[in-house]
Amino acid sequence: MTTKVYSQEYKDQVVKEAIEVGNVTLVARKNGLSQKTLNNWVQLSRGTVSVRSVRNSKQVRKEIDANPAQFQEALKQNDKLKNLLGERELEIAVLRDLLKKTDTPFPAR
């Protein structure tokens, strides 16, 4: 699979057409582009997503592909932390419930 490089003028022209027509899918098909690509260009032109975030997501994807074991370890650690947080939230809820039963005002958050 090859990556095509388009000129900024072409991108601006297609984005302008997509905004005028109001249908990204139609304009993408007409110009032989993927809908996702054109959506990214439109978002970049509107400033709703930055070039930096697109580059960062590509970098993260490369890092995941380069070291899947490290990624799996990070997922396990994430699950462990979610469980710990859930247990803490449950403990807080139980303690607040006990405070309500004893008519003791509990401290504000």
C-alpha atoms as a PDB file:
ATOM      1  CA  MET A   1       0.000   0.000   0.000  1.00  0.00           C
ATOM      2  CA  THR A   2       1.506   3.311  -1.032  1.00  0.00           C
ATOM      3  CA  THR A   3       0.945   6.701   0.504  1.00  0.00           C
ATOM      4  CA  LYS A   4      -0.108   9.422  -1.897  1.00  0.00           C
ATOM      5  CA  VAL A   5       1.064  12.957  -1.322  1.00  0.00           C
ATOM      6  CA  TYR A   6      -1.307  15.727  -2.370  1.00  0.00           C
ATOM      7  CA  SER A   7      -0.462  19.387  -2.807  1.00  0.00           C
ATOM      8  CA  GLN A   8      -1.898  21.888  -0.352  1.00  0.00           C
ATOM      9  CA  GLU A   9      -3.743  23.631  -3.214  1.00  0.00           C
ATOM     10  CA  TYR A  10      -5.505  20.388  -4.141  1.00  0.00           C
ATOM     11  CA  LYS A  11      -6.436  19.733  -0.507  1.00  0.00           C
ATOM     12  CA  ASP A  12      -7.812  23.259  -0.125  1.00  0.00           C
ATOM     13  CA  GLN A  13      -9.843  22.909  -3.324  1.00  0.00           C
ATOM     14  CA  VAL A  14     -11.370  19.566  -2.293  1.00  0.00           C
ATOM     15  CA  VAL A  15     -12.079  20.787   1.247  1.00  0.00           C
ATOM     16  CA  LYS A  16     -13.775  23.901  -0.108  1.00  0.00           C
ATOM     17  CA  GLU A  17     -15.914  21.756  -2.397  1.00  0.00           C
ATOM     18  CA  ALA A  18     -16.834  19.399   0.458  1.00  0.00           C
ATOM     19  CA  ILE A  19     -17.889  22.296   2.666  1.00  0.00           C
ATOM     20  CA  GLU A  20     -19.931  23.895  -0.142  1.00  0.00           C
ATOM     21  CA  VAL A  21     -21.656  20.634  -1.091  1.00  0.00           C
ATOM     22  CA  GLY A  22     -22.097  19.580   2.527  1.00  0.00           C
ATOM     23  CA  ASN A  23     -21.487  15.918   1.710  1.00  0.00           C
ATOM     24  CA  VAL A  24     -17.967  14.671   2.382  1.00  0.00           C
ATOM     25  CA  THR A  25     -18.701  11.161   1.137  1.00  0.00           C
ATOM     26  CA  LEU A  26     -19.916  12.352  -2.251  1.00  0.00           C
ATOM     27  CA  VAL A  27     -16.951  14.664  -2.792  1.00  0.00           C
ATOM     28  CA  ALA A  28     -14.504  11.980  -1.633  1.00  0.00           C
ATOM     29  CA  ARG A  29     -15.904   9.459  -4.117  1.00  0.00           C
ATOM     30  CA  LYS A  30     -15.868  12.013  -6.915  1.00  0.00           C
ATOM     31  CA  ASN A  31     -12.184  12.750  -6.310  1.00  0.00           C
ATOM     32  CA  GLY A  32     -11.084   9.181  -5.629  1.00  0.00           C
ATOM     33  CA  LEU A  33     -10.281   9.812  -1.972  1.00  0.00           C
ATOM     34  CA  SER A  34     -11.228   7.936   1.132  1.00  0.00           C
ATOM     35  CA  GLN A  35     -13.897   9.531   3.245  1.00  0.00           C
ATOM     36  CA  LYS A  36     -11.640   9.393   6.300  1.00  0.00           C
ATOM     37  CA  THR A  37      -8.883  11.299   4.519  1.00  0.00           C
ATOM     38  CA  LEU A  38     -11.236  14.037   3.398  1.00  0.00           C
ATOM     39  CA  ASN A  39     -12.800  14.256   6.864  1.00  0.00           C
ATOM     40  CA  ASN A  40      -9.325  14.749   8.328  1.00  0.00           C
ATOM     41  CA  TRP A  41      -8.596  17.511   5.823  1.00  0.00           C
ATOM     42  CA  VAL A  42     -11.886  19.251   6.618  1.00  0.00           C
ATOM     43  CA  GLN A  43     -11.219  19.033  10.356  1.00  0.00           C
ATOM     44  CA  LEU A  44      -7.703  20.381   9.870  1.00  0.00           C
ATOM     45  CA  SER A  45      -9.035  23.289   7.829  1.00  0.00           C
ATOM     46  CA  ARG A  46     -11.625  24.112  10.495  1.00  0.00           C
ATOM     47  CA  GLY A  47      -9.048  23.809  13.250  1.00  0.00           C
ATOM     48  CA  THR A  48     -10.995  21.135  15.130  1.00  0.00           C
ATOM     49  CA  VAL A  49      -8.053  18.744  15.022  1.00  0.00           C
ATOM     50  CA  SER A  50      -4.409  19.675  14.893  1.00  0.00           C
ATOM     51  CA  VAL A  51      -1.733  18.289  12.618  1.00  0.00           C
ATOM     52  CA  ARG A  52       0.190  17.457  15.743  1.00  0.00           C
ATOM     53  CA  SER A  53      -2.526  15.135  17.059  1.00  0.00           C
ATOM     54  CA  VAL A  54      -2.676  13.318  13.719  1.00  0.00           C
ATOM     55  CA  ARG A  55       1.094  12.877  13.749  1.00  0.00           C
ATOM     56  CA  ASN A  56       1.027  11.771  17.396  1.00  0.00           C
ATOM     57  CA  SER A  57      -1.590   9.110  16.683  1.00  0.00           C
ATOM     58  CA  LYS A  58       0.557   7.767  13.843  1.00  0.00           C
ATOM     59  CA  GLN A  59       3.598   7.722  16.135  1.00  0.00           C
ATOM     60  CA  VAL A  60       1.682   5.874  18.841  1.00  0.00           C
ATOM     61  CA  ARG A  61       0.496   3.307  16.308  1.00  0.00           C
ATOM     62  CA  LYS A  62       4.106   2.745  15.152  1.00  0.00           C
ATOM     63  CA  GLU A  63       5.271   2.308  18.746  1.00  0.00           C
ATOM     64  CA  ILE A  64       2.526  -0.232  19.431  1.00  0.00           C
ATOM     65  CA  ASP A  65       3.432  -2.179  16.306  1.00  0.00           C
ATOM     66  CA  ALA A  66       7.141  -2.064  17.194  1.00  0.00           C
ATOM     67  CA  ASN A  67       6.729  -3.436  20.712  1.00  0.00           C
ATOM     68  CA  PRO A  68       3.450  -5.307  21.259  1.00  0.00           C
ATOM     69  CA  ALA A  69       4.655  -6.930  24.509  1.00  0.00           C
ATOM     70  CA  GLN A  70       5.151  -3.542  26.121  1.00  0.00           C
ATOM     71  CA  PHE A  71       1.708  -2.479  24.922  1.00  0.00           C
ATOM     72  CA  GLN A  72       0.110  -5.604  26.427  1.00  0.00           C
ATOM     73  CA  GLU A  73       1.893  -4.917  29.715  1.00  0.00           C
ATOM     74  CA  ALA A  74       0.561  -1.364  29.700  1.00  0.00           C
ATOM     75  CA  LEU A  75      -2.967  -2.695  29.113  1.00  0.00           C
ATOM     76  CA  LYS A  76      -2.613  -5.071  32.082  1.00  0.00           C
ATOM     77  CA  GLN A  77      -1.363  -2.250  34.280  1.00  0.00           C
ATOM     78  CA  ASN A  78      -4.259  -0.070  33.124  1.00  0.00           C
ATOM     79  CA  ASP A  79      -6.763  -2.782  34.071  1.00  0.00           C
ATOM     80  CA  LYS A  80      -5.121  -3.171  37.486  1.00  0.00           C
ATOM     81  CA  LEU A  81      -5.330   0.571  38.127  1.00  0.00           C
ATOM     82  CA  LYS A  82      -8.987   0.639  37.051  1.00  0.00           C
ATOM     83  CA  ASN A  83      -9.744  -2.132  39.548  1.00  0.00           C
ATOM     84  CA  LEU A  84      -7.947  -0.271  42.338  1.00  0.00           C
ATOM     85  CA  LEU A  85      -9.839   2.912  41.535  1.00  0.00           C
ATOM     86  CA  GLY A  86     -13.135   1.027  41.486  1.00  0.00           C
ATOM     87  CA  GLU A  87     -12.400  -0.512  44.881  1.00  0.00           C
ATOM     88  CA  ARG A  88     -11.554   2.913  46.301  1.00  0.00           C
ATOM     89  CA  GLU A  89     -14.744   4.442  44.911  1.00  0.00           C
ATOM     90  CA  LEU A  90     -16.760   1.581  46.426  1.00  0.00           C
ATOM     91  CA  GLU A  91     -15.069   2.071  49.791  1.00  0.00           C
ATOM     92  CA  ILE A  92     -15.854   5.795  49.722  1.00  0.00           C
ATOM     93  CA  ALA A  93     -19.491   5.086  48.836  1.00  0.00           C
ATOM     94  CA  VAL A  94     -19.815   2.630  51.738  1.00  0.00           C
ATOM     95  CA  LEU A  95     -18.244   5.092  54.181  1.00  0.00           C
ATOM     96  CA  ARG A  96     -20.539   7.902  53.010  1.00  0.00           C
ATOM     97  CA  ASP A  97     -23.523   5.601  53.428  1.00  0.00           C
ATOM     98  CA  LEU A  98     -22.424   4.816  57.000  1.00  0.00           C
ATOM     99  CA  LEU A  99     -22.049   8.514  57.738  1.00  0.00           C
ATOM    100  CA  LYS A 100     -25.585   9.133  56.503  1.00  0.00           C
ATOM    101  CA  LYS A 101     -26.929   6.385  58.804  1.00  0.00           C
ATOM    102  CA  THR A 102     -25.211   7.861  61.850  1.00  0.00           C
ATOM    103  CA  ASP A 103     -26.440  11.401  61.061  1.00  0.00           C
ATOM    104  CA  THR A 104     -22.863  12.632  61.015  1.00  0.00           C
ATOM    105  CA  PRO A 105     -22.214  15.355  58.444  1.00  0.00           C
ATOM    106  CA  PHE A 106     -19.574  14.248  56.009  1.00  0.00           C
ATOM    107  CA  PRO A 107     -16.902  16.637  54.799  1.00  0.00           C
ATOM    108  CA  ALA A 108     -17.382  18.486  51.546  1.00  0.00           C
ATOM    109  CA  ARG A 109     -15.402  17.336  48.553  1.00  0.00           C
END
